[in-house]
Amino acid sequence: MAVQKSRKTPSRRGMRRSHDGLKSAALSEEPTTGETHRRHHVSAEGFYRGRQVVEVAPEVDETEEATAE
């Protein structure tokens, strides 16, 4: 089994980890609705590249449900 000969310094450790930081997600604007979404992902409204690809059900409030019952 491989065992290091001497201890790594904090500086060397930091150099090794320098590329491990989180990067911000690339965002795009949907041409149809104008909303911002992650690249190569369907938007919240169900659009992808100008076409609606997913039917999104309308949201129902709990207050409307309580009054309907």
PDB file of N, CA and C in Angstrom:
ATOM      1  N   MET A   1       0.836  -1.173   0.000  1.00  0.00           N
ATOM      2  CA  MET A   1       0.000   0.000   0.000  1.00  0.00           C
ATOM      3  C   MET A   1       0.890   1.248   0.000  1.00  0.00           C
ATOM      4  N   ALA A   2       0.490   2.254  -0.780  1.00  0.00           N
ATOM      5  CA  ALA A   2       1.288   3.459  -0.887  1.00  0.00           C
ATOM      6  C   ALA A   2       1.102   4.343   0.343  1.00  0.00           C
ATOM      7  N   VAL A   3       2.232   4.799   0.895  1.00  0.00           N
ATOM      8  CA  VAL A   3       2.216   5.681   2.057  1.00  0.00           C
ATOM      9  C   VAL A   3       3.113   6.865   1.744  1.00  0.00           C
ATOM     10  N   GLN A   4       2.615   8.064   2.012  1.00  0.00           N
ATOM     11  CA  GLN A   4       3.423   9.245   1.713  1.00  0.00           C
ATOM     12  C   GLN A   4       4.639   9.313   2.627  1.00  0.00           C
ATOM     13  N   LYS A   5       5.731   9.836   2.064  1.00  0.00           N
ATOM     14  CA  LYS A   5       6.983   9.901   2.817  1.00  0.00           C
ATOM     15  C   LYS A   5       6.958  11.045   3.835  1.00  0.00           C
ATOM     16  N   SER A   6       6.359  12.168   3.442  1.00  0.00           N
ATOM     17  CA  SER A   6       6.277  13.297   4.363  1.00  0.00           C
ATOM     18  C   SER A   6       4.923  13.978   4.223  1.00  0.00           C
ATOM     19  N   ARG A   7       4.590  14.741   5.231  1.00  0.00           N
ATOM     20  CA  ARG A   7       3.286  15.379   5.303  1.00  0.00           C
ATOM     21  C   ARG A   7       3.148  16.475   4.246  1.00  0.00           C
ATOM     22  N   LYS A   8       1.946  16.564   3.643  1.00  0.00           N
ATOM     23  CA  LYS A   8       1.663  17.646   2.683  1.00  0.00           C
ATOM     24  C   LYS A   8       1.410  18.939   3.452  1.00  0.00           C
ATOM     25  N   THR A   9       1.941  20.025   2.974  1.00  0.00           N
ATOM     26  CA  THR A   9       1.718  21.315   3.618  1.00  0.00           C
ATOM     27  C   THR A   9       0.336  21.847   3.234  1.00  0.00           C
ATOM     28  N   PRO A  10      -0.219  22.751   4.055  1.00  0.00           N
ATOM     29  CA  PRO A  10      -1.510  23.343   3.713  1.00  0.00           C
ATOM     30  C   PRO A  10      -1.486  24.051   2.361  1.00  0.00           C
ATOM     31  N   SER A  11      -0.346  24.610   2.000  1.00  0.00           N
ATOM     32  CA  SER A  11      -0.225  25.288   0.711  1.00  0.00           C
ATOM     33  C   SER A  11      -0.382  24.296  -0.438  1.00  0.00           C
ATOM     34  N   ARG A  12       0.309  23.166  -0.353  1.00  0.00           N
ATOM     35  CA  ARG A  12       0.205  22.136  -1.400  1.00  0.00           C
ATOM     36  C   ARG A  12      -1.212  21.568  -1.454  1.00  0.00           C
ATOM     37  N   ARG A  13      -1.812  21.368  -0.281  1.00  0.00           N
ATOM     38  CA  ARG A  13      -3.184  20.865  -0.222  1.00  0.00           C
ATOM     39  C   ARG A  13      -4.130  21.842  -0.921  1.00  0.00           C
ATOM     40  N   GLY A  14      -3.940  23.134  -0.671  1.00  0.00           N
ATOM     41  CA  GLY A  14      -4.775  24.159  -1.295  1.00  0.00           C
ATOM     42  C   GLY A  14      -4.590  24.194  -2.799  1.00  0.00           C
ATOM     43  N   MET A  15      -3.355  23.994  -3.257  1.00  0.00           N
ATOM     44  CA  MET A  15      -3.094  23.975  -4.702  1.00  0.00           C
ATOM     45  C   MET A  15      -3.810  22.794  -5.365  1.00  0.00           C
ATOM     46  N   ARG A  16      -3.826  21.665  -4.689  1.00  0.00           N
ATOM     47  CA  ARG A  16      -4.487  20.484  -5.241  1.00  0.00           C
ATOM     48  C   ARG A  16      -5.995  20.693  -5.315  1.00  0.00           C
ATOM     49  N   ARG A  17      -6.561  21.385  -4.323  1.00  0.00           N
ATOM     50  CA  ARG A  17      -8.004  21.588  -4.262  1.00  0.00           C
ATOM     51  C   ARG A  17      -8.478  22.843  -4.994  1.00  0.00           C
ATOM     52  N   SER A  18      -7.595  23.542  -5.649  1.00  0.00           N
ATOM     53  CA  SER A  18      -7.940  24.847  -6.215  1.00  0.00           C
ATOM     54  C   SER A  18      -9.024  24.771  -7.275  1.00  0.00           C
ATOM     55  N   HIS A  19      -9.187  23.647  -7.942  1.00  0.00           N
ATOM     56  CA  HIS A  19     -10.178  23.533  -9.007  1.00  0.00           C
ATOM     57  C   HIS A  19     -11.453  22.841  -8.547  1.00  0.00           C
ATOM     58  N   ASP A  20     -11.573  22.551  -7.250  1.00  0.00           N
ATOM     59  CA  ASP A  20     -12.721  21.815  -6.753  1.00  0.00           C
ATOM     60  C   ASP A  20     -13.889  22.703  -6.345  1.00  0.00           C
ATOM     61  N   GLY A  21     -13.734  24.010  -6.431  1.00  0.00           N
ATOM     62  CA  GLY A  21     -14.798  24.914  -5.995  1.00  0.00           C
ATOM     63  C   GLY A  21     -16.017  24.817  -6.887  1.00  0.00           C
ATOM     64  N   LEU A  22     -17.187  25.152  -6.333  1.00  0.00           N
ATOM     65  CA  LEU A  22     -18.418  25.113  -7.109  1.00  0.00           C
ATOM     66  C   LEU A  22     -18.464  26.271  -8.092  1.00  0.00           C
ATOM     67  N   LYS A  23     -18.947  25.976  -9.274  1.00  0.00           N
ATOM     68  CA  LYS A  23     -19.111  27.005 -10.293  1.00  0.00           C
ATOM     69  C   LYS A  23     -20.603  27.295 -10.436  1.00  0.00           C
ATOM     70  N   SER A  24     -20.930  28.513 -10.794  1.00  0.00           N
ATOM     71  CA  SER A  24     -22.336  28.859 -10.956  1.00  0.00           C
ATOM     72  C   SER A  24     -22.882  28.195 -12.221  1.00  0.00           C
ATOM     73  N   ALA A  25     -24.149  27.824 -12.184  1.00  0.00           N
ATOM     74  CA  ALA A  25     -24.781  27.162 -13.315  1.00  0.00           C
ATOM     75  C   ALA A  25     -24.961  28.148 -14.461  1.00  0.00           C
ATOM     76  N   ALA A  26     -24.789  27.665 -15.691  1.00  0.00           N
ATOM     77  CA  ALA A  26     -25.001  28.503 -16.860  1.00  0.00           C
ATOM     78  C   ALA A  26     -26.503  28.675 -17.063  1.00  0.00           C
ATOM     79  N   LEU A  27     -26.942  29.908 -17.258  1.00  0.00           N
ATOM     80  CA  LEU A  27     -28.357  30.204 -17.386  1.00  0.00           C
ATOM     81  C   LEU A  27     -28.673  30.697 -18.797  1.00  0.00           C
ATOM     82  N   SER A  28     -29.889  30.413 -19.245  1.00  0.00           N
ATOM     83  CA  SER A  28     -30.375  30.881 -20.535  1.00  0.00           C
ATOM     84  C   SER A  28     -31.728  31.544 -20.347  1.00  0.00           C
ATOM     85  N   GLU A  29     -32.107  32.342 -21.336  1.00  0.00           N
ATOM     86  CA  GLU A  29     -33.421  32.963 -21.313  1.00  0.00           C
ATOM     87  C   GLU A  29     -34.282  32.280 -22.359  1.00  0.00           C
ATOM     88  N   GLU A  30     -35.458  31.834 -21.948  1.00  0.00           N
ATOM     89  CA  GLU A  30     -36.395  31.165 -22.866  1.00  0.00           C
ATOM     90  C   GLU A  30     -36.953  32.203 -23.830  1.00  0.00           C
ATOM     91  N   PRO A  31     -36.810  31.988 -25.155  1.00  0.00           N
ATOM     92  CA  PRO A  31     -37.280  33.000 -26.107  1.00  0.00           C
ATOM     93  C   PRO A  31     -38.795  33.183 -26.114  1.00  0.00           C
ATOM     94  N   THR A  32     -39.549  32.151 -25.786  1.00  0.00           N
ATOM     95  CA  THR A  32     -41.006  32.237 -25.832  1.00  0.00           C
ATOM     96  C   THR A  32     -41.564  32.997 -24.634  1.00  0.00           C
ATOM     97  N   THR A  33     -41.165  32.587 -23.420  1.00  0.00           N
ATOM     98  CA  THR A  33     -41.743  33.188 -22.217  1.00  0.00           C
ATOM     99  C   THR A  33     -40.850  34.248 -21.590  1.00  0.00           C
ATOM    100  N   GLY A  34     -39.564  34.256 -21.918  1.00  0.00           N
ATOM    101  CA  GLY A  34     -38.648  35.237 -21.362  1.00  0.00           C
ATOM    102  C   GLY A  34     -38.134  34.883 -19.985  1.00  0.00           C
ATOM    103  N   GLU A  35     -38.456  33.696 -19.468  1.00  0.00           N
ATOM    104  CA  GLU A  35     -37.983  33.313 -18.140  1.00  0.00           C
ATOM    105  C   GLU A  35     -36.579  32.720 -18.208  1.00  0.00           C
ATOM    106  N   THR A  36     -35.874  32.802 -17.100  1.00  0.00           N
ATOM    107  CA  THR A  36     -34.512  32.291 -17.009  1.00  0.00           C
ATOM    108  C   THR A  36     -34.540  30.850 -16.507  1.00  0.00           C
ATOM    109  N   HIS A  37     -33.728  29.992 -17.138  1.00  0.00           N
ATOM    110  CA  HIS A  37     -33.649  28.592 -16.733  1.00  0.00           C
ATOM    111  C   HIS A  37     -32.241  28.086 -16.972  1.00  0.00           C
ATOM    112  N   ARG A  38     -31.916  26.925 -16.397  1.00  0.00           N
ATOM    113  CA  ARG A  38     -30.598  26.326 -16.593  1.00  0.00           C
ATOM    114  C   ARG A  38     -30.446  25.866 -18.033  1.00  0.00           C
ATOM    115  N   ARG A  39     -29.235  25.966 -18.560  1.00  0.00           N
ATOM    116  CA  ARG A  39     -28.987  25.545 -19.934  1.00  0.00           C
ATOM    117  C   ARG A  39     -29.310  24.065 -20.097  1.00  0.00           C
ATOM    118  N   HIS A  40     -29.891  23.698 -21.232  1.00  0.00           N
ATOM    119  CA  HIS A  40     -30.221  22.320 -21.597  1.00  0.00           C
ATOM    120  C   HIS A  40     -31.229  21.678 -20.653  1.00  0.00           C
ATOM    121  N   HIS A  41     -32.035  22.482 -19.966  1.00  0.00           N
ATOM    122  CA  HIS A  41     -33.080  21.978 -19.090  1.00  0.00           C
ATOM    123  C   HIS A  41     -34.403  22.621 -19.472  1.00  0.00           C
ATOM    124  N   VAL A  42     -35.487  21.919 -19.231  1.00  0.00           N
ATOM    125  CA  VAL A  42     -36.820  22.451 -19.487  1.00  0.00           C
ATOM    126  C   VAL A  42     -37.113  23.536 -18.463  1.00  0.00           C
ATOM    127  N   SER A  43     -37.737  24.623 -18.901  1.00  0.00           N
ATOM    128  CA  SER A  43     -38.050  25.713 -17.985  1.00  0.00           C
ATOM    129  C   SER A  43     -39.224  25.328 -17.092  1.00  0.00           C
ATOM    130  N   ALA A  44     -39.512  26.148 -16.102  1.00  0.00           N
ATOM    131  CA  ALA A  44     -40.589  25.859 -15.151  1.00  0.00           C
ATOM    132  C   ALA A  44     -41.945  25.856 -15.837  1.00  0.00           C
ATOM    133  N   GLU A  45     -42.100  26.579 -16.915  1.00  0.00           N
ATOM    134  CA  GLU A  45     -43.354  26.628 -17.653  1.00  0.00           C
ATOM    135  C   GLU A  45     -43.498  25.459 -18.627  1.00  0.00           C
ATOM    136  N   GLY A  46     -42.444  24.622 -18.773  1.00  0.00           N
ATOM    137  CA  GLY A  46     -42.507  23.457 -19.639  1.00  0.00           C
ATOM    138  C   GLY A  46     -41.989  23.699 -21.043  1.00  0.00           C
ATOM    139  N   PHE A  47     -41.282  24.804 -21.272  1.00  0.00           N
ATOM    140  CA  PHE A  47     -40.758  25.120 -22.595  1.00  0.00           C
ATOM    141  C   PHE A  47     -39.295  24.718 -22.721  1.00  0.00           C
ATOM    142  N   TYR A  48     -38.897  24.295 -23.927  1.00  0.00           N
ATOM    143  CA  TYR A  48     -37.498  24.005 -24.229  1.00  0.00           C
ATOM    144  C   TYR A  48     -37.239  24.443 -25.659  1.00  0.00           C
ATOM    145  N   ARG A  49     -36.318  25.363 -25.825  1.00  0.00           N
ATOM    146  CA  ARG A  49     -35.927  25.901 -27.129  1.00  0.00           C
ATOM    147  C   ARG A  49     -37.124  26.422 -27.916  1.00  0.00           C
ATOM    148  N   GLY A  50     -38.019  27.136 -27.238  1.00  0.00           N
ATOM    149  CA  GLY A  50     -39.129  27.787 -27.908  1.00  0.00           C
ATOM    150  C   GLY A  50     -40.366  26.935 -28.106  1.00  0.00           C
ATOM    151  N   ARG A  51     -40.319  25.648 -27.762  1.00  0.00           N
ATOM    152  CA  ARG A  51     -41.478  24.765 -27.928  1.00  0.00           C
ATOM    153  C   ARG A  51     -41.926  24.266 -26.563  1.00  0.00           C
ATOM    154  N   GLN A  52     -43.224  24.079 -26.387  1.00  0.00           N
ATOM    155  CA  GLN A  52     -43.721  23.515 -25.131  1.00  0.00           C
ATOM    156  C   GLN A  52     -43.602  22.002 -25.224  1.00  0.00           C
ATOM    157  N   VAL A  53     -42.797  21.421 -24.335  1.00  0.00           N
ATOM    158  CA  VAL A  53     -42.547  19.982 -24.372  1.00  0.00           C
ATOM    159  C   VAL A  53     -43.189  19.257 -23.202  1.00  0.00           C
ATOM    160  N   VAL A  54     -43.596  19.992 -22.155  1.00  0.00           N
ATOM    161  CA  VAL A  54     -44.221  19.387 -20.978  1.00  0.00           C
ATOM    162  C   VAL A  54     -45.453  20.202 -20.623  1.00  0.00           C
ATOM    163  N   GLU A  55     -46.561  19.501 -20.417  1.00  0.00           N
ATOM    164  CA  GLU A  55     -47.776  20.177 -19.951  1.00  0.00           C
ATOM    165  C   GLU A  55     -47.662  20.371 -18.441  1.00  0.00           C
ATOM    166  N   VAL A  56     -47.779  21.600 -17.984  1.00  0.00           N
ATOM    167  CA  VAL A  56     -47.660  21.915 -16.562  1.00  0.00           C
ATOM    168  C   VAL A  56     -49.059  22.137 -16.009  1.00  0.00           C
ATOM    169  N   ALA A  57     -49.392  21.405 -14.945  1.00  0.00           N
ATOM    170  CA  ALA A  57     -50.708  21.552 -14.314  1.00  0.00           C
ATOM    171  C   ALA A  57     -50.771  22.873 -13.562  1.00  0.00           C
ATOM    172  N   PRO A  58     -51.916  23.555 -13.583  1.00  0.00           N
ATOM    173  CA  PRO A  58     -52.027  24.806 -12.827  1.00  0.00           C
ATOM    174  C   PRO A  58     -51.968  24.540 -11.329  1.00  0.00           C
ATOM    175  N   GLU A  59     -51.320  25.450 -10.613  1.00  0.00           N
ATOM    176  CA  GLU A  59     -51.193  25.294  -9.169  1.00  0.00           C
ATOM    177  C   GLU A  59     -52.504  25.667  -8.491  1.00  0.00           C
ATOM    178  N   VAL A  60     -52.839  24.939  -7.429  1.00  0.00           N
ATOM    179  CA  VAL A  60     -54.074  25.188  -6.682  1.00  0.00           C
ATOM    180  C   VAL A  60     -53.702  25.634  -5.276  1.00  0.00           C
ATOM    181  N   ASP A  61     -54.304  26.744  -4.828  1.00  0.00           N
ATOM    182  CA  ASP A  61     -54.066  27.235  -3.466  1.00  0.00           C
ATOM    183  C   ASP A  61     -54.851  26.397  -2.468  1.00  0.00           C
ATOM    184  N   GLU A  62     -54.309  26.274  -1.239  1.00  0.00           N
ATOM    185  CA  GLU A  62     -55.034  25.565  -0.190  1.00  0.00           C
ATOM    186  C   GLU A  62     -56.283  26.341   0.227  1.00  0.00           C
ATOM    187  N   THR A  63     -56.270  27.668   0.104  1.00  0.00           N
ATOM    188  CA  THR A  63     -57.424  28.465   0.490  1.00  0.00           C
ATOM    189  C   THR A  63     -58.593  28.214  -0.459  1.00  0.00           C
ATOM    190  N   GLU A  64     -58.287  28.025  -1.751  1.00  0.00           N
ATOM    191  CA  GLU A  64     -59.339  27.749  -2.718  1.00  0.00           C
ATOM    192  C   GLU A  64     -59.925  26.358  -2.481  1.00  0.00           C
ATOM    193  N   GLU A  65     -59.069  25.393  -2.102  1.00  0.00           N
ATOM    194  CA  GLU A  65     -59.542  24.056  -1.829  1.00  0.00           C
ATOM    195  C   GLU A  65     -60.463  24.044  -0.610  1.00  0.00           C
ATOM    196  N   ALA A  66     -60.117  24.802   0.405  1.00  0.00           N
ATOM    197  CA  ALA A  66     -60.915  24.823   1.644  1.00  0.00           C
ATOM    198  C   ALA A  66     -62.289  25.436   1.393  1.00  0.00           C
ATOM    199  N   THR A  67     -62.362  26.471   0.548  1.00  0.00           N
ATOM    200  CA  THR A  67     -63.645  27.112   0.273  1.00  0.00           C
ATOM    201  C   THR A  67     -64.493  26.257  -0.656  1.00  0.00           C
ATOM    202  N   ALA A  68     -63.874  25.416  -1.495  1.00  0.00           N
ATOM    203  CA  ALA A  68     -64.617  24.579  -2.437  1.00  0.00           C
ATOM    204  C   ALA A  68     -65.291  23.405  -1.713  1.00  0.00           C
ATOM    205  N   GLU A  69     -64.733  22.968  -0.608  1.00  0.00           N
ATOM    206  CA  GLU A  69     -65.262  21.810   0.106  1.00  0.00           C
ATOM    207  C   GLU A  69     -66.385  22.125   1.006  1.00  0.00           C
TER     208      GLU A  69
END
